[in-house]
């Protein structure tokens, strides 16, 4: 049963890798999501693949606030991961879906 909390900032997004580069892009994202990189305010950062397209990476994020997400993009470790990932992308990333997370299991 879901439990209600104060609303959080959520994002659903996807990154399309160049053909055959999905695993390499996934490795960079997984490294960034590891415990060595601290992102204050990040409650959940999930990364997966589209089962029908190994080059399509799906990302779900939940943050305490929109500002926490914006501040994460200024972290040296995050900026370095973005720099490494950009050449692997098939075009510029599309804007993700922003959602207001009201609660649920795991939040």
C-alpha atoms as a PDB file:
ATOM      1  CA  UNK A   1       0.000   0.000   0.000  1.00  0.00           C
ATOM      2  CA  UNK A   2       1.378   3.418  -0.959  1.00  0.00           C
ATOM      3  CA  UNK A   3       2.111   5.948   1.719  1.00  0.00           C
ATOM      4  CA  UNK A   4       1.701   9.661   1.154  1.00  0.00           C
ATOM      5  CA  UNK A   5       4.684  11.981   1.577  1.00  0.00           C
ATOM      6  CA  UNK A   6       5.488  15.562   0.702  1.00  0.00           C
ATOM      7  CA  UNK A   7       5.791  15.875  -3.050  1.00  0.00           C
ATOM      8  CA  UNK A   8       9.188  15.278  -4.648  1.00  0.00           C
ATOM      9  CA  UNK A   9      10.648  16.187  -8.048  1.00  0.00           C
ATOM     10  CA  UNK A  10      10.644  13.308 -10.512  1.00  0.00           C
ATOM     11  CA  UNK A  11      11.987  12.789 -14.015  1.00  0.00           C
ATOM     12  CA  UNK A  12      11.485  10.060 -16.588  1.00  0.00           C
ATOM     13  CA  UNK A  13      13.925  10.177 -19.464  1.00  0.00           C
ATOM     14  CA  UNK A  14      15.613   8.197 -22.158  1.00  0.00           C
ATOM     15  CA  UNK A  15      18.930   8.362 -23.927  1.00  0.00           C
ATOM     16  CA  UNK A  16      19.445   6.829 -27.348  1.00  0.00           C
ATOM     17  CA  UNK A  17      22.947   5.526 -27.915  1.00  0.00           C
ATOM     18  CA  UNK A  18      24.557   5.244 -31.314  1.00  0.00           C
ATOM     19  CA  UNK A  19      24.063   1.758 -32.769  1.00  0.00           C
ATOM     20  CA  UNK A  20      26.016  -0.800 -30.739  1.00  0.00           C
ATOM     21  CA  UNK A  21      27.003   1.734 -28.038  1.00  0.00           C
ATOM     22  CA  UNK A  22      24.197   1.027 -25.549  1.00  0.00           C
ATOM     23  CA  UNK A  23      26.330  -1.134 -23.257  1.00  0.00           C
ATOM     24  CA  UNK A  24      29.087   1.476 -23.156  1.00  0.00           C
ATOM     25  CA  UNK A  25      26.594   4.246 -22.341  1.00  0.00           C
ATOM     26  CA  UNK A  26      24.959   2.014 -19.724  1.00  0.00           C
ATOM     27  CA  UNK A  27      28.337   1.438 -18.065  1.00  0.00           C
ATOM     28  CA  UNK A  28      28.942   5.197 -17.728  1.00  0.00           C
ATOM     29  CA  UNK A  29      25.477   5.750 -16.241  1.00  0.00           C
ATOM     30  CA  UNK A  30      25.815   2.812 -13.859  1.00  0.00           C
ATOM     31  CA  UNK A  31      29.198   4.108 -12.716  1.00  0.00           C
ATOM     32  CA  UNK A  32      27.632   7.525 -12.111  1.00  0.00           C
ATOM     33  CA  UNK A  33      24.816   5.932 -10.106  1.00  0.00           C
ATOM     34  CA  UNK A  34      27.295   4.020  -7.938  1.00  0.00           C
ATOM     35  CA  UNK A  35      27.947   4.705  -4.306  1.00  0.00           C
ATOM     36  CA  UNK A  36      31.174   6.599  -5.014  1.00  0.00           C
ATOM     37  CA  UNK A  37      29.255   9.564  -6.386  1.00  0.00           C
ATOM     38  CA  UNK A  38      27.101  11.413  -3.867  1.00  0.00           C
ATOM     39  CA  UNK A  39      24.233  13.472  -5.232  1.00  0.00           C
ATOM     40  CA  UNK A  40      22.592  15.361  -2.358  1.00  0.00           C
ATOM     41  CA  UNK A  41      18.811  15.217  -2.530  1.00  0.00           C
ATOM     42  CA  UNK A  42      18.719  12.170  -4.829  1.00  0.00           C
ATOM     43  CA  UNK A  43      16.233   9.634  -3.481  1.00  0.00           C
ATOM     44  CA  UNK A  44      16.113   7.301  -6.457  1.00  0.00           C
ATOM     45  CA  UNK A  45      18.104   6.949  -9.690  1.00  0.00           C
ATOM     46  CA  UNK A  46      17.131   3.917 -11.745  1.00  0.00           C
ATOM     47  CA  UNK A  47      18.681   2.959 -15.069  1.00  0.00           C
ATOM     48  CA  UNK A  48      17.489   0.281 -17.464  1.00  0.00           C
ATOM     49  CA  UNK A  49      17.279  -0.767 -21.089  1.00  0.00           C
ATOM     50  CA  UNK A  50      14.356  -1.060 -23.435  1.00  0.00           C
ATOM     51  CA  UNK A  51      14.017  -4.846 -23.874  1.00  0.00           C
ATOM     52  CA  UNK A  52      13.384  -4.363 -27.597  1.00  0.00           C
ATOM     53  CA  UNK A  53      16.242  -1.916 -28.248  1.00  0.00           C
ATOM     54  CA  UNK A  54      19.566  -2.400 -26.461  1.00  0.00           C
ATOM     55  CA  UNK A  55      20.662   1.100 -27.452  1.00  0.00           C
ATOM     56  CA  UNK A  56      17.738   2.844 -25.718  1.00  0.00           C
ATOM     57  CA  UNK A  57      18.534   3.627 -22.073  1.00  0.00           C
ATOM     58  CA  UNK A  58      15.650   4.483 -19.720  1.00  0.00           C
ATOM     59  CA  UNK A  59      16.145   6.590 -16.582  1.00  0.00           C
ATOM     60  CA  UNK A  60      13.827   7.292 -13.650  1.00  0.00           C
ATOM     61  CA  UNK A  61      14.881   9.813 -11.013  1.00  0.00           C
ATOM     62  CA  UNK A  62      13.313  11.100  -7.791  1.00  0.00           C
ATOM     63  CA  UNK A  63      14.775  14.136  -6.019  1.00  0.00           C
ATOM     64  CA  UNK A  64      13.851  16.018  -2.876  1.00  0.00           C
ATOM     65  CA  UNK A  65      13.563  19.209  -4.974  1.00  0.00           C
ATOM     66  CA  UNK A  66      14.037  20.502  -8.506  1.00  0.00           C
ATOM     67  CA  UNK A  67      16.986  22.519  -7.186  1.00  0.00           C
ATOM     68  CA  UNK A  68      18.702  19.357  -5.930  1.00  0.00           C
ATOM     69  CA  UNK A  69      18.515  17.949  -9.458  1.00  0.00           C
ATOM     70  CA  UNK A  70      19.863  21.187 -10.966  1.00  0.00           C
ATOM     71  CA  UNK A  71      22.708  21.242  -8.431  1.00  0.00           C
ATOM     72  CA  UNK A  72      23.645  17.648  -9.271  1.00  0.00           C
ATOM     73  CA  UNK A  73      24.411  18.744 -12.833  1.00  0.00           C
ATOM     74  CA  UNK A  74      27.086  21.083 -11.434  1.00  0.00           C
ATOM     75  CA  UNK A  75      28.990  18.315  -9.617  1.00  0.00           C
ATOM     76  CA  UNK A  76      32.422  17.609 -11.108  1.00  0.00           C
ATOM     77  CA  UNK A  77      31.766  13.848 -11.176  1.00  0.00           C
ATOM     78  CA  UNK A  78      28.440  14.281 -12.967  1.00  0.00           C
ATOM     79  CA  UNK A  79      29.895  16.742 -15.463  1.00  0.00           C
ATOM     80  CA  UNK A  80      32.732  14.290 -16.206  1.00  0.00           C
ATOM     81  CA  UNK A  81      30.218  11.474 -16.822  1.00  0.00           C
ATOM     82  CA  UNK A  82      28.191  13.713 -19.148  1.00  0.00           C
ATOM     83  CA  UNK A  83      31.360  14.589 -21.090  1.00  0.00           C
ATOM     84  CA  UNK A  84      32.171  10.876 -21.513  1.00  0.00           C
ATOM     85  CA  UNK A  85      28.598   9.973 -22.493  1.00  0.00           C
ATOM     86  CA  UNK A  86      27.881  12.696 -25.063  1.00  0.00           C
ATOM     87  CA  UNK A  87      29.944  11.169 -27.921  1.00  0.00           C
ATOM     88  CA  UNK A  88      28.008   7.902 -27.503  1.00  0.00           C
ATOM     89  CA  UNK A  89      24.586   9.513 -27.976  1.00  0.00           C
ATOM     90  CA  UNK A  90      22.637   9.306 -31.200  1.00  0.00           C
ATOM     91  CA  UNK A  91      21.600  12.970 -31.238  1.00  0.00           C
ATOM     92  CA  UNK A  92      20.930  15.364 -28.405  1.00  0.00           C
ATOM     93  CA  UNK A  93      18.952  14.058 -25.421  1.00  0.00           C
ATOM     94  CA  UNK A  94      15.248  14.848 -25.541  1.00  0.00           C
ATOM     95  CA  UNK A  95      13.543  16.639 -22.684  1.00  0.00           C
ATOM     96  CA  UNK A  96      12.318  14.130 -20.133  1.00  0.00           C
ATOM     97  CA  UNK A  97       8.936  13.960 -18.475  1.00  0.00           C
ATOM     98  CA  UNK A  98       8.736  15.891 -15.205  1.00  0.00           C
ATOM     99  CA  UNK A  99       6.343  14.539 -12.604  1.00  0.00           C
ATOM    100  CA  UNK A 100       5.340  15.401  -9.080  1.00  0.00           C
ATOM    101  CA  UNK A 101       6.040  12.358  -6.937  1.00  0.00           C
ATOM    102  CA  UNK A 102       3.422  12.161  -4.196  1.00  0.00           C
ATOM    103  CA  UNK A 103       4.571   8.965  -2.503  1.00  0.00           C
ATOM    104  CA  UNK A 104       4.690   5.227  -2.807  1.00  0.00           C
ATOM    105  CA  UNK A 105       6.749   2.215  -1.921  1.00  0.00           C
ATOM    106  CA  UNK A 106      10.460   2.974  -1.773  1.00  0.00           C
ATOM    107  CA  UNK A 107      10.167   6.742  -1.422  1.00  0.00           C
END
